[in-house]
């Protein structure tokens, strides 16, 4: 028999996991910086694996929280129908949790095989200043103080380079403004900087340094964004490196999924104990007559 107290304790654990999934899912979507990291860290130019995983994690949180509260109400009020709904629906969380978790695990194994090339293809084919992907790249380059995938030279083979420098003889822009070191006021208050409104320290010298492959100069960001995403910008208290984000998504999702195996077993045994108790009470009542 499964006592009611044990069932309530387990449901509290379920609720905490569900709320954790909601909190992290909302954080990854509400934080423009983290969402940009997930957008540009791709295996191919149209890959949306990490963005989708963050969305699935949020869905897991809402579904698990709702079903847990429904089951808790059923346990406290002895509403067997609500408990049966929980038992019949909780497998959805199990499946989504395992899918979401192993999406990130599989992605991690592909990082050094496909991600750098995927980022390069995305940037060179789709980067424009005001596009969705362009804004994501601008944000990453400002917040991580990086440029391109490996360096500023990546932009020379991009569509942006050709569209910006229409004069084939005179090249004026080798990199977007977000690749340049920002002026003192913006650089010290990086959290508040709008990546679409950067104020380079010296735009002319930034492009001259990019022309001369002088990445890391006083005017041009020196690190490529592929490498920068693996480190945390210490000047941004909320910043995270990509492995932390992926580990949180996969860890919570797999935990939520595996937890439902125990949920199914415990709920089934609890319903069985209720039927046994009900049957015993019925026999006792009939014996009195």
Protein backbone atom coordinates (compact mmCIF):
# COMPACT_ATOMS: atom_id res chain seq x y z
CA UNK A 1 0.00 0.00 0.00
CA UNK A 2 1.09 3.57 -0.77
CA UNK A 3 0.08 5.97 2.04
CA UNK A 4 -1.37 9.34 1.12
CA UNK A 5 1.51 11.18 2.81
CA UNK A 6 4.08 9.43 0.60
CA UNK A 7 2.07 10.33 -2.49
CA UNK A 8 1.89 13.99 -1.44
CA UNK A 9 5.64 14.12 -0.78
CA UNK A 10 6.34 12.72 -4.24
CA UNK A 11 3.95 15.22 -5.82
CA UNK A 12 5.82 18.04 -4.08
CA UNK A 13 9.01 16.81 -5.73
CA UNK A 14 7.19 16.68 -9.07
CA UNK A 15 5.95 20.24 -8.57
CA UNK A 16 9.44 21.53 -7.77
CA UNK A 17 10.86 19.93 -10.91
CA UNK A 18 8.02 21.38 -12.99
CA UNK A 19 8.56 24.88 -11.58
CA UNK A 20 12.30 24.59 -12.20
CA UNK A 21 11.62 23.72 -15.85
CA UNK A 22 9.30 26.72 -16.16
CA UNK A 23 11.78 29.08 -14.51
CA UNK A 24 14.71 28.01 -16.70
CA UNK A 25 12.59 27.87 -19.85
CA UNK A 26 11.33 31.40 -19.25
CA UNK A 27 14.85 32.59 -18.44
CA UNK A 28 16.27 31.21 -21.68
CA UNK A 29 13.48 32.85 -23.70
CA UNK A 30 13.30 36.15 -21.77
CA UNK A 31 17.06 36.72 -21.74
CA UNK A 32 17.83 38.22 -25.14
CA UNK A 33 21.49 37.37 -24.69
CA UNK A 34 20.99 33.66 -24.00
CA UNK A 35 18.36 33.36 -26.72
CA UNK A 36 20.87 34.90 -29.16
CA UNK A 37 23.52 32.38 -28.07
CA UNK A 38 21.12 29.53 -28.78
CA UNK A 39 20.21 31.06 -32.14
CA UNK A 40 23.74 31.33 -33.54
CA UNK A 41 25.18 28.13 -32.02
CA UNK A 42 24.03 25.79 -34.78
CA UNK A 43 25.11 22.68 -36.70
CA UNK A 44 23.79 24.04 -40.00
CA UNK A 45 22.62 27.42 -41.18
CA UNK A 46 18.93 26.56 -40.62
CA UNK A 47 19.40 24.53 -37.42
CA UNK A 48 17.08 25.39 -34.51
CA UNK A 49 17.86 22.48 -32.19
CA UNK A 50 18.84 24.41 -29.07
CA UNK A 51 16.05 26.98 -29.44
CA UNK A 52 13.56 24.11 -29.85
CA UNK A 53 15.00 22.30 -26.81
CA UNK A 54 14.51 25.42 -24.66
CA UNK A 55 10.90 25.62 -25.88
CA UNK A 56 10.27 21.96 -25.13
CA UNK A 57 11.70 22.43 -21.63
CA UNK A 58 9.22 25.25 -21.02
CA UNK A 59 6.35 23.08 -22.28
CA UNK A 60 7.46 20.23 -19.99
CA UNK A 61 7.36 22.60 -17.04
CA UNK A 62 3.81 23.81 -17.70
CA UNK A 63 2.44 20.32 -18.43
CA UNK A 64 4.11 18.75 -15.39
CA UNK A 65 3.01 21.53 -13.05
CA UNK A 66 -0.61 21.36 -14.23
CA UNK A 67 -0.83 17.57 -14.00
CA UNK A 68 0.86 17.52 -10.60
CA UNK A 69 -1.59 20.05 -9.15
CA UNK A 70 -4.47 18.10 -10.67
CA UNK A 71 -3.24 14.88 -9.08
CA UNK A 72 -2.61 16.58 -5.74
CA UNK A 73 -6.19 17.84 -5.72
CA UNK A 74 -7.38 14.32 -6.49
CA UNK A 75 -5.32 12.82 -3.67
CA UNK A 76 -6.38 15.41 -1.10
CA UNK A 77 -10.07 15.28 -2.09
CA UNK A 78 -10.18 11.56 -2.89
CA UNK A 79 -11.13 12.27 -6.50
CA UNK A 80 -10.00 9.11 -8.25
CA UNK A 81 -10.89 10.49 -11.69
CA UNK A 82 -8.29 13.27 -11.37
CA UNK A 83 -5.62 10.80 -10.32
CA UNK A 84 -6.44 8.61 -13.33
CA UNK A 85 -6.09 11.63 -15.64
CA UNK A 86 -2.65 12.22 -14.16
CA UNK A 87 -1.70 8.58 -14.66
CA UNK A 88 -2.95 8.57 -18.24
CA UNK A 89 -1.28 11.84 -19.24
CA UNK A 90 2.05 11.90 -17.42
CA UNK A 91 3.72 9.77 -20.08
CA UNK A 92 3.70 12.90 -22.25
CA UNK A 93 6.24 14.46 -19.88
CA UNK A 94 8.30 11.27 -19.94
CA UNK A 95 8.53 11.30 -23.74
CA UNK A 96 9.13 15.04 -24.07
CA UNK A 97 11.75 14.99 -21.32
CA UNK A 98 13.78 12.25 -22.93
CA UNK A 99 13.48 13.81 -26.40
CA UNK A 100 14.54 17.24 -25.14
CA UNK A 101 17.38 15.90 -23.03
CA UNK A 102 18.89 13.72 -25.70
CA UNK A 103 18.56 16.49 -28.28
CA UNK A 104 21.10 18.44 -26.24
CA UNK A 105 23.25 15.38 -25.52
CA UNK A 106 23.41 14.52 -29.23
CA UNK A 107 24.12 18.15 -30.11
CA UNK A 108 27.04 18.22 -27.70
CA UNK A 109 28.72 15.33 -29.51
CA UNK A 110 28.42 17.24 -32.79
CA UNK A 111 29.98 20.49 -31.59
CA UNK A 112 33.50 19.94 -32.87
CA UNK A 113 32.31 18.26 -36.07
CA UNK A 114 29.59 20.55 -37.40
CA UNK A 115 28.92 23.63 -35.27
CA UNK A 116 31.76 25.89 -36.39
CA UNK A 117 30.90 25.32 -40.06
CA UNK A 118 27.19 25.70 -39.33
CA UNK A 119 27.80 29.06 -37.65
CA UNK A 120 29.98 30.17 -40.55
CA UNK A 121 27.35 29.21 -43.14
CA UNK A 122 24.63 30.99 -41.17
CA UNK A 123 26.65 34.18 -40.75
CA UNK A 124 27.96 34.36 -44.32
CA UNK A 125 24.61 33.59 -45.96
CA UNK A 126 22.06 35.26 -43.70
CA UNK A 127 23.73 38.05 -41.76
CA UNK A 128 22.22 41.47 -42.38
CA UNK A 129 22.12 44.25 -39.83
CA UNK A 130 18.35 44.31 -39.18
CA UNK A 131 17.37 40.67 -39.80
CA UNK A 132 16.48 38.24 -37.01
CA UNK A 133 19.76 36.39 -37.37
CA UNK A 134 21.66 39.63 -37.86
CA UNK A 135 20.36 40.98 -34.57
CA UNK A 136 21.32 37.73 -32.85
CA UNK A 137 24.86 37.95 -34.23
CA UNK A 138 25.11 41.62 -33.25
CA UNK A 139 24.09 40.78 -29.71
CA UNK A 140 26.58 37.92 -29.43
CA UNK A 141 29.41 40.06 -30.83
CA UNK A 142 28.69 42.91 -28.41
CA UNK A 143 28.03 40.87 -25.27
CA UNK A 144 30.86 38.38 -25.85
CA UNK A 145 33.22 40.99 -27.35
CA UNK A 146 33.88 38.76 -30.36
CA UNK A 147 33.83 38.98 -34.15
CA UNK A 148 32.81 36.43 -36.76
CA UNK A 149 33.15 32.72 -36.10
CA UNK A 150 36.95 32.49 -35.93
CA UNK A 151 37.76 36.14 -36.56
CA UNK A 152 37.00 39.29 -38.52
CA UNK A 153 38.13 37.71 -41.80
CA UNK A 154 35.00 35.53 -41.85
CA UNK A 155 32.99 38.52 -43.07
CA UNK A 156 35.01 38.88 -46.27
CA UNK A 157 33.21 35.90 -47.80
CA UNK A 158 29.77 36.92 -46.57
CA UNK A 159 26.81 38.29 -48.49
CA UNK A 160 26.88 41.25 -46.09
CA UNK A 161 30.36 42.21 -47.29
CA UNK A 162 29.28 42.34 -50.91
CA UNK A 163 26.04 44.19 -50.17
CA UNK A 164 27.80 46.77 -47.99
CA UNK A 165 30.77 47.42 -50.27
CA UNK A 166 29.10 48.06 -53.61
CA UNK A 167 32.25 49.68 -55.00
CA UNK A 168 34.53 46.81 -55.99
CA UNK A 169 37.61 49.06 -55.89
CA UNK A 170 37.10 50.88 -52.59
CA UNK A 171 36.20 48.79 -49.56
CA UNK A 172 34.90 50.86 -46.64
CA UNK A 173 33.52 48.24 -44.23
CA UNK A 174 35.34 45.03 -43.43
CA UNK A 175 33.28 44.20 -40.33
CA UNK A 176 29.98 45.33 -38.77
CA UNK A 177 30.18 47.96 -36.04
CA UNK A 178 29.43 45.30 -33.42
CA UNK A 179 32.87 43.77 -34.11
CA UNK A 180 34.56 46.98 -33.00
CA UNK A 181 35.68 47.79 -29.47
CA UNK A 182 33.06 50.11 -27.98
CA UNK A 183 33.76 53.52 -26.53
CA UNK A 184 34.51 53.84 -22.82
CA UNK A 185 30.96 54.62 -21.69
CA UNK A 186 29.36 51.70 -23.51
CA UNK A 187 32.14 49.22 -22.76
CA UNK A 188 31.93 49.74 -19.00
CA UNK A 189 28.11 49.50 -19.01
CA UNK A 190 27.84 46.55 -21.39
CA UNK A 191 24.66 45.22 -19.77
CA UNK A 192 22.68 48.27 -20.92
CA UNK A 193 24.09 48.52 -24.45
CA UNK A 194 21.64 48.08 -27.32
CA UNK A 195 23.54 45.92 -29.84
CA UNK A 196 21.71 47.67 -32.67
CA UNK A 197 23.10 51.03 -31.52
CA UNK A 198 26.81 50.43 -30.86
CA UNK A 199 29.23 53.31 -30.50
CA UNK A 200 32.65 52.11 -31.68
CA UNK A 201 35.73 53.57 -30.06
CA UNK A 202 37.19 54.30 -33.52
CA UNK A 203 35.23 52.87 -36.46
CA UNK A 204 37.80 53.85 -39.08
CA UNK A 205 40.71 52.20 -37.29
CA UNK A 206 38.55 49.20 -36.47
CA UNK A 207 38.03 48.55 -40.17
CA UNK A 208 41.67 49.29 -40.94
CA UNK A 209 42.70 46.69 -38.36
CA UNK A 210 40.23 44.21 -39.88
CA UNK A 211 41.75 44.88 -43.28
CA UNK A 212 45.19 44.12 -41.88
CA UNK A 213 44.03 41.03 -39.91
CA UNK A 214 44.89 42.76 -36.61
CA UNK A 215 42.23 41.10 -34.51
CA UNK A 216 42.63 41.88 -30.82
CA UNK A 217 43.90 45.40 -31.39
CA UNK A 218 42.75 48.37 -29.33
CA UNK A 219 39.87 48.90 -31.76
CA UNK A 220 38.83 45.43 -32.98
CA UNK A 221 37.49 42.51 -30.96
CA UNK A 222 40.07 39.73 -30.98
CA UNK A 223 38.18 36.54 -30.26
CA UNK A 224 35.98 34.58 -32.63
CA UNK A 225 32.42 33.99 -31.42
CA UNK A 226 32.72 30.19 -31.62
CA UNK A 227 35.41 30.26 -28.94
CA UNK A 228 33.77 33.13 -27.03
CA UNK A 229 30.57 31.17 -26.48
CA UNK A 230 32.54 28.63 -24.44
CA UNK A 231 33.50 31.28 -21.88
CA UNK A 232 31.63 33.63 -19.58
CA UNK A 233 31.99 37.39 -19.89
CA UNK A 234 32.96 38.38 -16.35
CA UNK A 235 31.73 41.92 -16.92
CA UNK A 236 28.15 40.62 -17.28
CA UNK A 237 26.89 39.08 -14.04
CA UNK A 238 24.12 37.16 -15.81
CA UNK A 239 26.23 35.83 -18.68
CA UNK A 240 26.66 32.07 -19.16
CA UNK A 241 28.75 29.91 -21.43
CA UNK A 242 26.97 27.62 -23.85
CA UNK A 243 27.79 24.39 -22.00
CA UNK A 244 26.04 25.62 -18.84
CA UNK A 245 22.88 26.40 -20.82
CA UNK A 246 22.91 23.05 -22.59
CA UNK A 247 23.59 21.14 -19.35
CA UNK A 248 20.69 22.86 -17.57
CA UNK A 249 18.29 22.02 -20.41
CA UNK A 250 19.38 18.39 -20.74
CA UNK A 251 19.68 17.84 -16.98
CA UNK A 252 16.23 19.17 -16.13
CA UNK A 253 14.57 17.49 -19.11
CA UNK A 254 16.06 14.04 -18.45
CA UNK A 255 15.33 14.36 -14.73
CA UNK A 256 11.72 15.28 -15.44
CA UNK A 257 11.39 12.42 -17.91
CA UNK A 258 12.92 9.74 -15.70
CA UNK A 259 10.94 10.93 -12.69
CA UNK A 260 7.73 10.01 -14.48
CA UNK A 261 8.69 6.32 -14.42
CA UNK A 262 8.40 6.49 -10.64
CA UNK A 263 5.28 8.64 -10.96
CA UNK A 264 3.52 6.00 -13.07
CA UNK A 265 4.48 3.18 -10.69
CA UNK A 266 3.56 5.07 -7.51
CA UNK A 267 0.30 6.36 -8.91
CA UNK A 268 -0.73 2.90 -10.10
CA UNK A 269 0.07 1.39 -6.68
CA UNK A 270 -1.75 4.23 -4.93
CA UNK A 271 -4.89 3.65 -7.02
CA UNK A 272 -4.62 -0.05 -6.35
CA UNK A 273 -4.39 0.57 -2.61
CA UNK A 274 -7.47 2.81 -2.82
CA UNK A 275 -9.41 0.02 -4.51
CA UNK A 276 -8.22 -2.47 -1.90
CA UNK A 277 -9.22 -0.15 0.91
CA UNK A 278 -12.60 0.53 -0.69
CA UNK A 279 -13.18 -3.21 -1.16
CA UNK A 280 -12.27 -3.93 2.48
CA UNK A 281 -14.62 -1.23 3.74
CA UNK A 282 -17.43 -2.64 1.59
CA UNK A 283 -16.95 -6.13 3.00
CA UNK A 284 -16.89 -4.76 6.56
CA UNK A 285 -20.12 -2.88 5.99
CA UNK A 286 -21.87 -5.96 4.53
CA UNK A 287 -20.70 -8.09 7.45
CA UNK A 288 -22.55 -5.86 9.87
CA UNK A 289 -25.83 -6.86 8.29
